[in-house]
Amino acid sequence: MNLRKGITFALGSVLLVSGAQLGMRWSMTRLPSPTQWLDALSSGNINLLAAGVVIAAILAYALSMLCWLFALRDLPLGRAYSLLSISYALVYLLAASLPFFNESFSLSKTLGVALVILGVITINSPRIPRPRDLV
């Protein structure tokens, strides 16, 4: 197992999936509802940039999954899945920070994100030896 390589792939997966989620959110607020797609396509009334971002987001999801598979090869499951939860915090922070998402910060959400990050740090910190391990 190569821990450093596993963490790199896991964080790459986190960045890709976070970008994909944000891209999907941005795009879907600019595209017609799924029930109106056929009408929009036939009339040529579709936002091509938003459609392109959806395609890019799908590709980012695919690359994220590939990174995730490589991460699982080199990381214990507990560490890998704790790192994956960083995407929840990242998406929240970016969506609330960037004006075009129209999201807002709240105390409860921010505390929740802080707890998630604290959990990731706790799980991925070096193990503290127990007294019986020192003997």
N, C-alpha and C. Protein backbone atom coordinates (compact mmCIF):
# COMPACT_ATOMS: atom_id res chain seq x y z
N MET A 1 0.83 -1.18 0.00
CA MET A 1 0.00 0.00 0.00
C MET A 1 0.88 1.25 0.00
N ASN A 2 0.50 2.20 -0.82
CA ASN A 2 1.20 3.49 -0.87
C ASN A 2 0.24 4.56 -0.36
N LEU A 3 0.38 4.92 0.91
CA LEU A 3 -0.55 5.82 1.57
C LEU A 3 -0.60 7.19 0.90
N ARG A 4 0.55 7.72 0.54
CA ARG A 4 0.61 9.05 -0.08
C ARG A 4 -0.13 9.06 -1.42
N LYS A 5 0.10 8.02 -2.21
CA LYS A 5 -0.58 7.94 -3.51
C LYS A 5 -2.09 7.77 -3.31
N GLY A 6 -2.49 6.98 -2.34
CA GLY A 6 -3.90 6.79 -2.06
C GLY A 6 -4.59 8.08 -1.64
N ILE A 7 -3.93 8.85 -0.78
CA ILE A 7 -4.51 10.13 -0.35
C ILE A 7 -4.60 11.09 -1.53
N THR A 8 -3.58 11.10 -2.38
CA THR A 8 -3.60 11.97 -3.57
C THR A 8 -4.78 11.62 -4.47
N PHE A 9 -4.98 10.33 -4.73
CA PHE A 9 -6.11 9.93 -5.57
C PHE A 9 -7.45 10.24 -4.89
N ALA A 10 -7.54 10.05 -3.58
CA ALA A 10 -8.78 10.34 -2.87
C ALA A 10 -9.10 11.83 -2.94
N LEU A 11 -8.10 12.67 -2.73
CA LEU A 11 -8.33 14.11 -2.81
C LEU A 11 -8.64 14.55 -4.24
N GLY A 12 -8.02 13.90 -5.22
CA GLY A 12 -8.37 14.17 -6.62
C GLY A 12 -9.82 13.83 -6.88
N SER A 13 -10.27 12.71 -6.35
CA SER A 13 -11.67 12.32 -6.48
C SER A 13 -12.59 13.34 -5.84
N VAL A 14 -12.20 13.82 -4.65
CA VAL A 14 -13.00 14.83 -3.94
C VAL A 14 -13.13 16.10 -4.77
N LEU A 15 -12.03 16.57 -5.33
CA LEU A 15 -12.07 17.80 -6.13
C LEU A 15 -12.92 17.62 -7.39
N LEU A 16 -12.76 16.48 -8.05
CA LEU A 16 -13.54 16.23 -9.26
C LEU A 16 -15.03 16.11 -8.98
N VAL A 17 -15.39 15.37 -7.95
CA VAL A 17 -16.82 15.19 -7.65
C VAL A 17 -17.43 16.49 -7.14
N SER A 18 -16.66 17.28 -6.41
CA SER A 18 -17.17 18.57 -5.94
C SER A 18 -17.41 19.51 -7.13
N GLY A 19 -16.46 19.55 -8.04
CA GLY A 19 -16.64 20.36 -9.24
C GLY A 19 -17.82 19.89 -10.06
N ALA A 20 -17.99 18.57 -10.15
CA ALA A 20 -19.11 18.02 -10.92
C ALA A 20 -20.44 18.41 -10.26
N GLN A 21 -20.52 18.32 -8.96
CA GLN A 21 -21.76 18.68 -8.27
C GLN A 21 -22.10 20.15 -8.46
N LEU A 22 -21.11 21.00 -8.34
CA LEU A 22 -21.33 22.43 -8.53
C LEU A 22 -21.70 22.74 -9.98
N GLY A 23 -21.03 22.07 -10.91
CA GLY A 23 -21.35 22.27 -12.32
C GLY A 23 -22.77 21.82 -12.66
N MET A 24 -23.16 20.70 -12.10
CA MET A 24 -24.54 20.21 -12.33
C MET A 24 -25.56 21.20 -11.76
N ARG A 25 -25.30 21.69 -10.57
CA ARG A 25 -26.23 22.64 -9.95
C ARG A 25 -26.35 23.90 -10.79
N TRP A 26 -25.21 24.44 -11.21
CA TRP A 26 -25.21 25.65 -12.03
C TRP A 26 -25.97 25.42 -13.34
N SER A 27 -25.69 24.31 -13.98
CA SER A 27 -26.30 24.01 -15.27
C SER A 27 -27.81 23.79 -15.17
N MET A 28 -28.22 23.03 -14.19
CA MET A 28 -29.62 22.66 -14.11
C MET A 28 -30.52 23.85 -13.76
N THR A 29 -29.94 24.92 -13.21
CA THR A 29 -30.74 26.12 -12.99
C THR A 29 -30.87 26.95 -14.26
N ARG A 30 -30.13 26.58 -15.30
CA ARG A 30 -30.15 27.32 -16.56
C ARG A 30 -30.73 26.52 -17.72
N LEU A 31 -31.08 25.28 -17.47
CA LEU A 31 -31.66 24.42 -18.51
C LEU A 31 -33.13 24.20 -18.23
N PRO A 32 -33.90 23.87 -19.26
CA PRO A 32 -35.33 23.58 -19.02
C PRO A 32 -35.49 22.31 -18.19
N SER A 33 -36.65 22.17 -17.61
CA SER A 33 -36.91 20.95 -16.83
C SER A 33 -36.88 19.75 -17.78
N PRO A 34 -36.59 18.57 -17.26
CA PRO A 34 -36.51 17.38 -18.12
C PRO A 34 -37.76 17.15 -18.96
N THR A 35 -38.92 17.53 -18.47
CA THR A 35 -40.14 17.33 -19.26
C THR A 35 -40.23 18.30 -20.43
N GLN A 36 -39.42 19.35 -20.42
CA GLN A 36 -39.46 20.35 -21.49
C GLN A 36 -38.27 20.25 -22.44
N TRP A 37 -37.40 19.27 -22.25
CA TRP A 37 -36.19 19.17 -23.06
C TRP A 37 -36.48 18.97 -24.54
N LEU A 38 -37.41 18.09 -24.86
CA LEU A 38 -37.70 17.83 -26.28
C LEU A 38 -38.18 19.09 -26.98
N ASP A 39 -39.06 19.84 -26.33
CA ASP A 39 -39.53 21.09 -26.91
C ASP A 39 -38.38 22.08 -27.08
N ALA A 40 -37.52 22.18 -26.09
CA ALA A 40 -36.40 23.12 -26.15
C ALA A 40 -35.41 22.71 -27.24
N LEU A 41 -35.15 21.42 -27.37
CA LEU A 41 -34.24 20.95 -28.41
C LEU A 41 -34.80 21.20 -29.80
N SER A 42 -36.08 20.92 -29.99
CA SER A 42 -36.68 21.10 -31.32
C SER A 42 -36.78 22.57 -31.70
N SER A 43 -36.94 23.45 -30.74
CA SER A 43 -37.04 24.89 -31.04
C SER A 43 -35.66 25.55 -31.05
N GLY A 44 -34.61 24.82 -30.66
CA GLY A 44 -33.27 25.39 -30.60
C GLY A 44 -33.09 26.36 -29.45
N ASN A 45 -33.99 26.28 -28.48
CA ASN A 45 -33.97 27.20 -27.35
C ASN A 45 -33.33 26.52 -26.13
N ILE A 46 -32.05 26.23 -26.24
CA ILE A 46 -31.35 25.57 -25.13
C ILE A 46 -30.02 26.29 -24.91
N ASN A 47 -29.66 26.47 -23.67
CA ASN A 47 -28.42 27.14 -23.30
C ASN A 47 -27.27 26.17 -23.56
N LEU A 48 -26.49 26.42 -24.61
CA LEU A 48 -25.42 25.51 -25.00
C LEU A 48 -24.30 25.47 -23.96
N LEU A 49 -24.02 26.60 -23.33
CA LEU A 49 -22.99 26.61 -22.28
C LEU A 49 -23.41 25.69 -21.13
N ALA A 50 -24.65 25.81 -20.70
CA ALA A 50 -25.14 24.97 -19.60
C ALA A 50 -25.12 23.50 -19.99
N ALA A 51 -25.50 23.19 -21.23
CA ALA A 51 -25.46 21.80 -21.70
C ALA A 51 -24.02 21.29 -21.72
N GLY A 52 -23.09 22.14 -22.13
CA GLY A 52 -21.68 21.76 -22.14
C GLY A 52 -21.14 21.51 -20.74
N VAL A 53 -21.59 22.33 -19.79
CA VAL A 53 -21.15 22.14 -18.40
C VAL A 53 -21.70 20.82 -17.85
N VAL A 54 -22.92 20.45 -18.23
CA VAL A 54 -23.47 19.16 -17.80
C VAL A 54 -22.60 18.02 -18.32
N ILE A 55 -22.21 18.10 -19.57
CA ILE A 55 -21.36 17.05 -20.16
C ILE A 55 -20.00 17.01 -19.46
N ALA A 56 -19.42 18.20 -19.20
CA ALA A 56 -18.14 18.25 -18.48
C ALA A 56 -18.28 17.69 -17.07
N ALA A 57 -19.41 17.96 -16.43
CA ALA A 57 -19.64 17.45 -15.07
C ALA A 57 -19.76 15.93 -15.08
N ILE A 58 -20.42 15.39 -16.08
CA ILE A 58 -20.52 13.93 -16.19
C ILE A 58 -19.14 13.31 -16.37
N LEU A 59 -18.30 13.95 -17.20
CA LEU A 59 -16.94 13.46 -17.37
C LEU A 59 -16.14 13.57 -16.07
N ALA A 60 -16.36 14.66 -15.32
CA ALA A 60 -15.68 14.82 -14.04
C ALA A 60 -16.10 13.72 -13.06
N TYR A 61 -17.39 13.37 -13.08
CA TYR A 61 -17.86 12.25 -12.24
C TYR A 61 -17.14 10.96 -12.62
N ALA A 62 -17.00 10.71 -13.92
CA ALA A 62 -16.33 9.49 -14.38
C ALA A 62 -14.87 9.48 -13.93
N LEU A 63 -14.17 10.59 -14.10
CA LEU A 63 -12.78 10.67 -13.66
C LEU A 63 -12.68 10.56 -12.14
N SER A 64 -13.65 11.11 -11.45
CA SER A 64 -13.68 10.99 -10.00
C SER A 64 -13.78 9.53 -9.57
N MET A 65 -14.62 8.79 -10.26
CA MET A 65 -14.77 7.37 -9.93
C MET A 65 -13.47 6.61 -10.20
N LEU A 66 -12.80 6.95 -11.27
CA LEU A 66 -11.52 6.31 -11.58
C LEU A 66 -10.49 6.61 -10.49
N CYS A 67 -10.41 7.87 -10.08
CA CYS A 67 -9.50 8.23 -8.98
C CYS A 67 -9.88 7.49 -7.71
N TRP A 68 -11.19 7.37 -7.47
CA TRP A 68 -11.67 6.70 -6.27
C TRP A 68 -11.25 5.23 -6.25
N LEU A 69 -11.32 4.58 -7.39
CA LEU A 69 -10.91 3.18 -7.47
C LEU A 69 -9.43 3.03 -7.15
N PHE A 70 -8.61 3.95 -7.67
CA PHE A 70 -7.18 3.91 -7.36
C PHE A 70 -6.93 4.21 -5.88
N ALA A 71 -7.70 5.12 -5.31
CA ALA A 71 -7.55 5.44 -3.89
C ALA A 71 -7.87 4.22 -3.03
N LEU A 72 -8.91 3.49 -3.39
CA LEU A 72 -9.30 2.31 -2.61
C LEU A 72 -8.23 1.23 -2.64
N ARG A 73 -7.43 1.21 -3.69
CA ARG A 73 -6.36 0.23 -3.78
C ARG A 73 -5.28 0.50 -2.72
N ASP A 74 -5.06 1.78 -2.39
CA ASP A 74 -3.94 2.13 -1.53
C ASP A 74 -4.32 2.64 -0.14
N LEU A 75 -5.61 2.77 0.15
CA LEU A 75 -6.02 3.30 1.46
C LEU A 75 -6.93 2.32 2.19
N PRO A 76 -6.81 2.28 3.52
CA PRO A 76 -7.81 1.53 4.29
C PRO A 76 -9.18 2.20 4.12
N LEU A 77 -10.24 1.44 4.16
CA LEU A 77 -11.59 1.97 3.91
C LEU A 77 -11.96 3.12 4.83
N GLY A 78 -11.63 3.01 6.10
CA GLY A 78 -11.98 4.06 7.05
C GLY A 78 -11.37 5.40 6.68
N ARG A 79 -10.11 5.37 6.29
CA ARG A 79 -9.45 6.61 5.87
C ARG A 79 -10.02 7.11 4.56
N ALA A 80 -10.22 6.22 3.62
CA ALA A 80 -10.71 6.63 2.30
C ALA A 80 -12.07 7.30 2.40
N TYR A 81 -12.99 6.68 3.10
CA TYR A 81 -14.34 7.24 3.17
C TYR A 81 -14.40 8.52 3.99
N SER A 82 -13.51 8.65 4.98
CA SER A 82 -13.49 9.92 5.70
C SER A 82 -13.02 11.04 4.78
N LEU A 83 -12.05 10.77 3.93
CA LEU A 83 -11.58 11.78 2.99
C LEU A 83 -12.66 12.16 1.98
N LEU A 84 -13.45 11.18 1.59
CA LEU A 84 -14.53 11.46 0.63
C LEU A 84 -15.54 12.46 1.19
N SER A 85 -15.71 12.46 2.51
CA SER A 85 -16.69 13.38 3.10
C SER A 85 -16.26 14.84 3.01
N ILE A 86 -15.00 15.10 2.67
CA ILE A 86 -14.54 16.47 2.47
C ILE A 86 -15.35 17.14 1.35
N SER A 87 -15.83 16.35 0.40
CA SER A 87 -16.59 16.95 -0.71
C SER A 87 -17.86 17.64 -0.22
N TYR A 88 -18.49 17.12 0.82
CA TYR A 88 -19.69 17.77 1.36
C TYR A 88 -19.34 19.17 1.87
N ALA A 89 -18.24 19.25 2.59
CA ALA A 89 -17.82 20.55 3.13
C ALA A 89 -17.41 21.49 2.00
N LEU A 90 -16.67 20.98 1.05
CA LEU A 90 -16.19 21.81 -0.06
C LEU A 90 -17.35 22.36 -0.89
N VAL A 91 -18.32 21.52 -1.20
CA VAL A 91 -19.46 21.96 -2.00
C VAL A 91 -20.24 23.03 -1.23
N TYR A 92 -20.47 22.82 0.04
CA TYR A 92 -21.19 23.81 0.85
C TYR A 92 -20.45 25.14 0.87
N LEU A 93 -19.15 25.09 1.15
CA LEU A 93 -18.38 26.32 1.25
C LEU A 93 -18.34 27.08 -0.07
N LEU A 94 -18.15 26.38 -1.16
CA LEU A 94 -18.10 27.04 -2.47
C LEU A 94 -19.48 27.55 -2.89
N ALA A 95 -20.50 26.75 -2.68
CA ALA A 95 -21.85 27.18 -3.08
C ALA A 95 -22.30 28.41 -2.29
N ALA A 96 -21.94 28.47 -1.02
CA ALA A 96 -22.33 29.62 -0.20
C ALA A 96 -21.43 30.83 -0.47
N SER A 97 -20.23 30.60 -0.95
CA SER A 97 -19.29 31.70 -1.19
C SER A 97 -19.46 32.35 -2.56
N LEU A 98 -19.80 31.56 -3.55
CA LEU A 98 -19.90 32.08 -4.92
C LEU A 98 -21.29 32.65 -5.17
N PRO A 99 -21.38 33.88 -5.63
CA PRO A 99 -22.68 34.56 -5.72
C PRO A 99 -23.67 33.94 -6.70
N PHE A 100 -23.21 33.27 -7.73
CA PHE A 100 -24.14 32.75 -8.73
C PHE A 100 -24.86 31.48 -8.31
N PHE A 101 -24.58 30.97 -7.12
CA PHE A 101 -25.32 29.81 -6.62
C PHE A 101 -26.50 30.21 -5.74
N ASN A 102 -26.52 31.44 -5.29
CA ASN A 102 -27.60 31.94 -4.43
C ASN A 102 -27.83 31.08 -3.20
N GLU A 103 -26.76 30.57 -2.65
CA GLU A 103 -26.82 29.82 -1.39
C GLU A 103 -26.33 30.74 -0.28
N SER A 104 -26.64 30.41 0.94
CA SER A 104 -26.19 31.26 2.04
C SER A 104 -25.58 30.42 3.15
N PHE A 105 -24.74 31.08 3.91
CA PHE A 105 -24.16 30.44 5.09
C PHE A 105 -25.20 30.44 6.20
N SER A 106 -25.17 29.42 7.03
CA SER A 106 -25.98 29.42 8.24
C SER A 106 -25.12 28.82 9.36
N LEU A 107 -25.46 29.17 10.56
CA LEU A 107 -24.69 28.68 11.69
C LEU A 107 -24.73 27.16 11.78
N SER A 108 -25.91 26.58 11.63
CA SER A 108 -26.03 25.12 11.78
C SER A 108 -25.27 24.39 10.67
N LYS A 109 -25.36 24.87 9.43
CA LYS A 109 -24.62 24.22 8.33
C LYS A 109 -23.12 24.36 8.53
N THR A 110 -22.69 25.54 8.94
CA THR A 110 -21.26 25.78 9.14
C THR A 110 -20.73 24.92 10.28
N LEU A 111 -21.49 24.78 11.36
CA LEU A 111 -21.07 23.90 12.46
C LEU A 111 -21.02 22.45 12.00
N GLY A 112 -21.98 22.05 11.18
CA GLY A 112 -21.97 20.69 10.64
C GLY A 112 -20.73 20.43 9.80
N VAL A 113 -20.38 21.39 8.96
CA VAL A 113 -19.19 21.26 8.12
C VAL A 113 -17.94 21.21 9.00
N ALA A 114 -17.90 22.04 10.03
CA ALA A 114 -16.76 22.03 10.95
C ALA A 114 -16.62 20.66 11.63
N LEU A 115 -17.74 20.05 12.00
CA LEU A 115 -17.68 18.72 12.62
C LEU A 115 -17.20 17.66 11.63
N VAL A 116 -17.63 17.77 10.37
CA VAL A 116 -17.17 16.84 9.35
C VAL A 116 -15.65 16.95 9.20
N ILE A 117 -15.15 18.18 9.07
CA ILE A 117 -13.71 18.38 8.92
C ILE A 117 -12.96 17.90 10.16
N LEU A 118 -13.49 18.17 11.34
CA LEU A 118 -12.87 17.69 12.57
C LEU A 118 -12.81 16.15 12.58
N GLY A 119 -13.87 15.52 12.11
CA GLY A 119 -13.88 14.07 12.03
C GLY A 119 -12.83 13.54 11.06
N VAL A 120 -12.70 14.19 9.91
CA VAL A 120 -11.68 13.78 8.92
C VAL A 120 -10.29 13.91 9.52
N ILE A 121 -10.05 15.03 10.21
CA ILE A 121 -8.74 15.23 10.83
C ILE A 121 -8.49 14.17 11.90
N THR A 122 -9.50 13.89 12.70
CA THR A 122 -9.36 12.90 13.77
C THR A 122 -9.06 11.51 13.19
N ILE A 123 -9.80 11.12 12.19
CA ILE A 123 -9.61 9.78 11.61
C ILE A 123 -8.24 9.65 10.94
N ASN A 124 -7.77 10.74 10.33
CA ASN A 124 -6.53 10.67 9.57
C ASN A 124 -5.30 11.15 10.34
N SER A 125 -5.46 11.46 11.63
CA SER A 125 -4.31 11.84 12.44
C SER A 125 -3.50 10.60 12.80
N PRO A 126 -2.21 10.79 13.07
CA PRO A 126 -1.42 9.63 13.51
C PRO A 126 -2.03 9.04 14.77
N ARG A 127 -1.98 7.75 14.86
CA ARG A 127 -2.57 7.05 16.00
C ARG A 127 -1.80 7.37 17.27
N ILE A 128 -2.54 7.71 18.31
CA ILE A 128 -1.93 7.97 19.62
C ILE A 128 -1.80 6.63 20.33
N PRO A 129 -0.58 6.27 20.74
CA PRO A 129 -0.42 4.97 21.40
C PRO A 129 -1.16 4.90 22.73
N ARG A 130 -1.77 3.77 22.96
CA ARG A 130 -2.41 3.52 24.25
C ARG A 130 -1.34 3.13 25.26
N PRO A 131 -1.57 3.34 26.54
CA PRO A 131 -0.55 3.01 27.55
C PRO A 131 -0.06 1.57 27.44
N ARG A 132 -0.93 0.62 27.15
CA ARG A 132 -0.49 -0.79 27.10
C ARG A 132 0.37 -1.05 25.85
N ASP A 133 0.28 -0.18 24.81
CA ASP A 133 1.12 -0.33 23.63
C ASP A 133 2.56 0.11 23.89
N LEU A 134 2.76 0.94 24.92
CA LEU A 134 4.09 1.46 25.21
C LEU A 134 4.96 0.48 25.98
N VAL A 135 4.35 -0.55 26.53
CA VAL A 135 5.09 -1.53 27.34
C VAL A 135 5.76 -2.56 26.46
